[in-house]
Amino acid sequence: MKTIFSEQHRLRDAKTELYGGELVQPFERLSRADIIIKALVESGLDE
């Protein structure tokens, strides 16, 4: 699987997003990216 990520992605750090008419914590956020990157590295799929 190809994974595309750079440190520039960290510049997009929204605090809220609109969902169902309410402001909520974003679903796509830096902490989720960190979890995914860590899992890719640990599984050897981080190329």
PDB file of N, CA and C in Angstrom:
ATOM      1  N   MET A   1       0.849  -1.175   0.000  1.00  0.00           N
ATOM      2  CA  MET A   1       0.000   0.000   0.000  1.00  0.00           C
ATOM      3  C   MET A   1       0.894   1.236   0.000  1.00  0.00           C
ATOM      4  N   LYS A   2       0.590   2.166  -0.861  1.00  0.00           N
ATOM      5  CA  LYS A   2       1.327   3.426  -0.860  1.00  0.00           C
ATOM      6  C   LYS A   2       0.695   4.371   0.158  1.00  0.00           C
ATOM      7  N   THR A   3       1.551   4.962   0.940  1.00  0.00           N
ATOM      8  CA  THR A   3       1.109   5.936   1.932  1.00  0.00           C
ATOM      9  C   THR A   3       1.813   7.247   1.640  1.00  0.00           C
ATOM     10  N   ILE A   4       1.055   8.302   1.531  1.00  0.00           N
ATOM     11  CA  ILE A   4       1.623   9.610   1.240  1.00  0.00           C
ATOM     12  C   ILE A   4       1.421  10.505   2.457  1.00  0.00           C
ATOM     13  N   PHE A   5       2.530  10.976   2.992  1.00  0.00           N
ATOM     14  CA  PHE A   5       2.485  11.841   4.163  1.00  0.00           C
ATOM     15  C   PHE A   5       3.774  12.635   4.216  1.00  0.00           C
ATOM     16  N   SER A   6       3.674  13.882   4.600  1.00  0.00           N
ATOM     17  CA  SER A   6       4.865  14.690   4.836  1.00  0.00           C
ATOM     18  C   SER A   6       4.609  15.548   6.073  1.00  0.00           C
ATOM     19  N   GLU A   7       5.661  16.127   6.559  1.00  0.00           N
ATOM     20  CA  GLU A   7       5.520  16.995   7.734  1.00  0.00           C
ATOM     21  C   GLU A   7       4.651  18.212   7.426  1.00  0.00           C
ATOM     22  N   GLN A   8       4.499  18.560   6.155  1.00  0.00           N
ATOM     23  CA  GLN A   8       3.619  19.676   5.792  1.00  0.00           C
ATOM     24  C   GLN A   8       2.161  19.369   6.128  1.00  0.00           C
ATOM     25  N   HIS A   9       1.803  18.100   6.188  1.00  0.00           N
ATOM     26  CA  HIS A   9       0.437  17.742   6.550  1.00  0.00           C
ATOM     27  C   HIS A   9       0.104  18.213   7.971  1.00  0.00           C
ATOM     28  N   ARG A  10       1.117  18.342   8.798  1.00  0.00           N
ATOM     29  CA  ARG A  10       0.890  18.787  10.179  1.00  0.00           C
ATOM     30  C   ARG A  10       0.415  20.244  10.252  1.00  0.00           C
ATOM     31  N   LEU A  11       0.599  20.992   9.160  1.00  0.00           N
ATOM     32  CA  LEU A  11       0.145  22.380   9.145  1.00  0.00           C
ATOM     33  C   LEU A  11      -1.381  22.467   9.178  1.00  0.00           C
ATOM     34  N   ARG A  12      -2.045  21.413   8.754  1.00  0.00           N
ATOM     35  CA  ARG A  12      -3.519  21.366   8.782  1.00  0.00           C
ATOM     36  C   ARG A  12      -3.930  20.745  10.104  1.00  0.00           C
ATOM     37  N   ASP A  13      -4.201  21.592  11.064  1.00  0.00           N
ATOM     38  CA  ASP A  13      -4.514  21.116  12.418  1.00  0.00           C
ATOM     39  C   ASP A  13      -5.799  21.780  12.912  1.00  0.00           C
ATOM     40  N   ALA A  14      -6.906  21.427  12.267  1.00  0.00           N
ATOM     41  CA  ALA A  14      -8.194  22.009  12.641  1.00  0.00           C
ATOM     42  C   ALA A  14      -8.591  21.563  14.047  1.00  0.00           C
ATOM     43  N   LYS A  15      -9.254  22.419  14.751  1.00  0.00           N
ATOM     44  CA  LYS A  15      -9.727  22.095  16.106  1.00  0.00           C
ATOM     45  C   LYS A  15     -11.160  21.569  16.093  1.00  0.00           C
ATOM     46  N   THR A  16     -11.925  21.948  15.057  1.00  0.00           N
ATOM     47  CA  THR A  16     -13.316  21.491  14.950  1.00  0.00           C
ATOM     48  C   THR A  16     -13.669  21.273  13.485  1.00  0.00           C
ATOM     49  N   GLU A  17     -14.749  20.514  13.276  1.00  0.00           N
ATOM     50  CA  GLU A  17     -15.357  20.416  11.954  1.00  0.00           C
ATOM     51  C   GLU A  17     -16.866  20.343  12.162  1.00  0.00           C
ATOM     52  N   LEU A  18     -17.588  20.707  11.133  1.00  0.00           N
ATOM     53  CA  LEU A  18     -19.041  20.725  11.210  1.00  0.00           C
ATOM     54  C   LEU A  18     -19.577  19.342  10.843  1.00  0.00           C
ATOM     55  N   TYR A  19     -20.328  18.733  11.739  1.00  0.00           N
ATOM     56  CA  TYR A  19     -20.894  17.411  11.508  1.00  0.00           C
ATOM     57  C   TYR A  19     -22.300  17.381  12.095  1.00  0.00           C
ATOM     58  N   GLY A  20     -23.269  17.139  11.254  1.00  0.00           N
ATOM     59  CA  GLY A  20     -24.653  17.089  11.722  1.00  0.00           C
ATOM     60  C   GLY A  20     -25.126  18.392  12.325  1.00  0.00           C
ATOM     61  N   GLY A  21     -24.607  19.493  11.826  1.00  0.00           N
ATOM     62  CA  GLY A  21     -25.015  20.795  12.335  1.00  0.00           C
ATOM     63  C   GLY A  21     -24.321  21.214  13.623  1.00  0.00           C
ATOM     64  N   GLU A  22     -23.358  20.416  14.075  1.00  0.00           N
ATOM     65  CA  GLU A  22     -22.640  20.734  15.310  1.00  0.00           C
ATOM     66  C   GLU A  22     -21.139  20.748  15.045  1.00  0.00           C
ATOM     67  N   LEU A  23     -20.426  21.571  15.805  1.00  0.00           N
ATOM     68  CA  LEU A  23     -18.975  21.570  15.740  1.00  0.00           C
ATOM     69  C   LEU A  23     -18.460  20.435  16.623  1.00  0.00           C
ATOM     70  N   VAL A  24     -17.686  19.544  16.021  1.00  0.00           N
ATOM     71  CA  VAL A  24     -17.139  18.395  16.743  1.00  0.00           C
ATOM     72  C   VAL A  24     -15.637  18.332  16.514  1.00  0.00           C
ATOM     73  N   GLN A  25     -14.955  17.498  17.304  1.00  0.00           N
ATOM     74  CA  GLN A  25     -13.534  17.262  17.074  1.00  0.00           C
ATOM     75  C   GLN A  25     -13.385  16.596  15.710  1.00  0.00           C
ATOM     76  N   PRO A  26     -12.439  17.043  14.894  1.00  0.00           N
ATOM     77  CA  PRO A  26     -12.295  16.479  13.550  1.00  0.00           C
ATOM     78  C   PRO A  26     -12.024  14.976  13.575  1.00  0.00           C
ATOM     79  N   PHE A  27     -12.586  14.272  12.614  1.00  0.00           N
ATOM     80  CA  PHE A  27     -12.336  12.837  12.501  1.00  0.00           C
ATOM     81  C   PHE A  27     -10.926  12.599  11.969  1.00  0.00           C
ATOM     82  N   GLU A  28     -10.519  13.412  11.003  1.00  0.00           N
ATOM     83  CA  GLU A  28      -9.168  13.324  10.453  1.00  0.00           C
ATOM     84  C   GLU A  28      -8.316  14.365  11.161  1.00  0.00           C
ATOM     85  N   ARG A  29      -7.507  13.908  12.095  1.00  0.00           N
ATOM     86  CA  ARG A  29      -6.694  14.819  12.891  1.00  0.00           C
ATOM     87  C   ARG A  29      -5.284  14.248  13.050  1.00  0.00           C
ATOM     88  N   LEU A  30      -4.376  15.077  13.525  1.00  0.00           N
ATOM     89  CA  LEU A  30      -2.982  14.677  13.608  1.00  0.00           C
ATOM     90  C   LEU A  30      -2.773  13.448  14.478  1.00  0.00           C
ATOM     91  N   SER A  31      -3.491  13.335  15.577  1.00  0.00           N
ATOM     92  CA  SER A  31      -3.290  12.177  16.446  1.00  0.00           C
ATOM     93  C   SER A  31      -3.657  10.886  15.725  1.00  0.00           C
ATOM     94  N   ARG A  32      -4.660  10.917  14.867  1.00  0.00           N
ATOM     95  CA  ARG A  32      -5.032   9.727  14.098  1.00  0.00           C
ATOM     96  C   ARG A  32      -3.943   9.405  13.082  1.00  0.00           C
ATOM     97  N   ALA A  33      -3.403  10.418  12.440  1.00  0.00           N
ATOM     98  CA  ALA A  33      -2.309  10.202  11.490  1.00  0.00           C
ATOM     99  C   ALA A  33      -1.110   9.576  12.194  1.00  0.00           C
ATOM    100  N   ASP A  34      -0.791  10.043  13.390  1.00  0.00           N
ATOM    101  CA  ASP A  34       0.332   9.478  14.147  1.00  0.00           C
ATOM    102  C   ASP A  34       0.107   8.011  14.466  1.00  0.00           C
ATOM    103  N   ILE A  35      -1.120   7.649  14.819  1.00  0.00           N
ATOM    104  CA  ILE A  35      -1.448   6.246  15.110  1.00  0.00           C
ATOM    105  C   ILE A  35      -1.268   5.387  13.862  1.00  0.00           C
ATOM    106  N   ILE A  36      -1.721   5.884  12.726  1.00  0.00           N
ATOM    107  CA  ILE A  36      -1.617   5.135  11.474  1.00  0.00           C
ATOM    108  C   ILE A  36      -0.153   4.987  11.064  1.00  0.00           C
ATOM    109  N   ILE A  37       0.613   6.060  11.143  1.00  0.00           N
ATOM    110  CA  ILE A  37       2.032   6.013  10.779  1.00  0.00           C
ATOM    111  C   ILE A  37       2.776   5.027  11.676  1.00  0.00           C
ATOM    112  N   LYS A  38       2.508   5.059  12.959  1.00  0.00           N
ATOM    113  CA  LYS A  38       3.151   4.131  13.900  1.00  0.00           C
ATOM    114  C   LYS A  38       2.827   2.686  13.535  1.00  0.00           C
ATOM    115  N   ALA A  39       1.568   2.397  13.224  1.00  0.00           N
ATOM    116  CA  ALA A  39       1.168   1.039  12.853  1.00  0.00           C
ATOM    117  C   ALA A  39       1.851   0.597  11.554  1.00  0.00           C
ATOM    118  N   LEU A  40       1.977   1.509  10.593  1.00  0.00           N
ATOM    119  CA  LEU A  40       2.661   1.182   9.341  1.00  0.00           C
ATOM    120  C   LEU A  40       4.124   0.855   9.573  1.00  0.00           C
ATOM    121  N   VAL A  41       4.781   1.645  10.395  1.00  0.00           N
ATOM    122  CA  VAL A  41       6.196   1.411  10.701  1.00  0.00           C
ATOM    123  C   VAL A  41       6.372   0.077  11.423  1.00  0.00           C
ATOM    124  N   GLU A  42       5.528  -0.186  12.412  1.00  0.00           N
ATOM    125  CA  GLU A  42       5.633  -1.429  13.188  1.00  0.00           C
ATOM    126  C   GLU A  42       5.365  -2.667  12.349  1.00  0.00           C
ATOM    127  N   SER A  43       4.524  -2.539  11.332  1.00  0.00           N
ATOM    128  CA  SER A  43       4.194  -3.690  10.503  1.00  0.00           C
ATOM    129  C   SER A  43       5.115  -3.832   9.292  1.00  0.00           C
ATOM    130  N   GLY A  44       6.016  -2.863   9.103  1.00  0.00           N
ATOM    131  CA  GLY A  44       6.952  -2.913   7.992  1.00  0.00           C
ATOM    132  C   GLY A  44       6.355  -2.445   6.676  1.00  0.00           C
ATOM    133  N   LEU A  45       5.226  -1.792   6.717  1.00  0.00           N
ATOM    134  CA  LEU A  45       4.566  -1.305   5.506  1.00  0.00           C
ATOM    135  C   LEU A  45       4.765   0.194   5.307  1.00  0.00           C
ATOM    136  N   ASP A  46       5.825   0.728   5.847  1.00  0.00           N
ATOM    137  CA  ASP A  46       6.011   2.182   5.859  1.00  0.00           C
ATOM    138  C   ASP A  46       6.798   2.723   4.675  1.00  0.00           C
ATOM    139  N   GLU A  47       7.001   1.955   3.643  1.00  0.00           N
ATOM    140  CA  GLU A  47       7.774   2.445   2.504  1.00  0.00           C
ATOM    141  C   GLU A  47       7.118   3.651   1.859  1.00  0.00           C
TER     142      GLU A  47
END
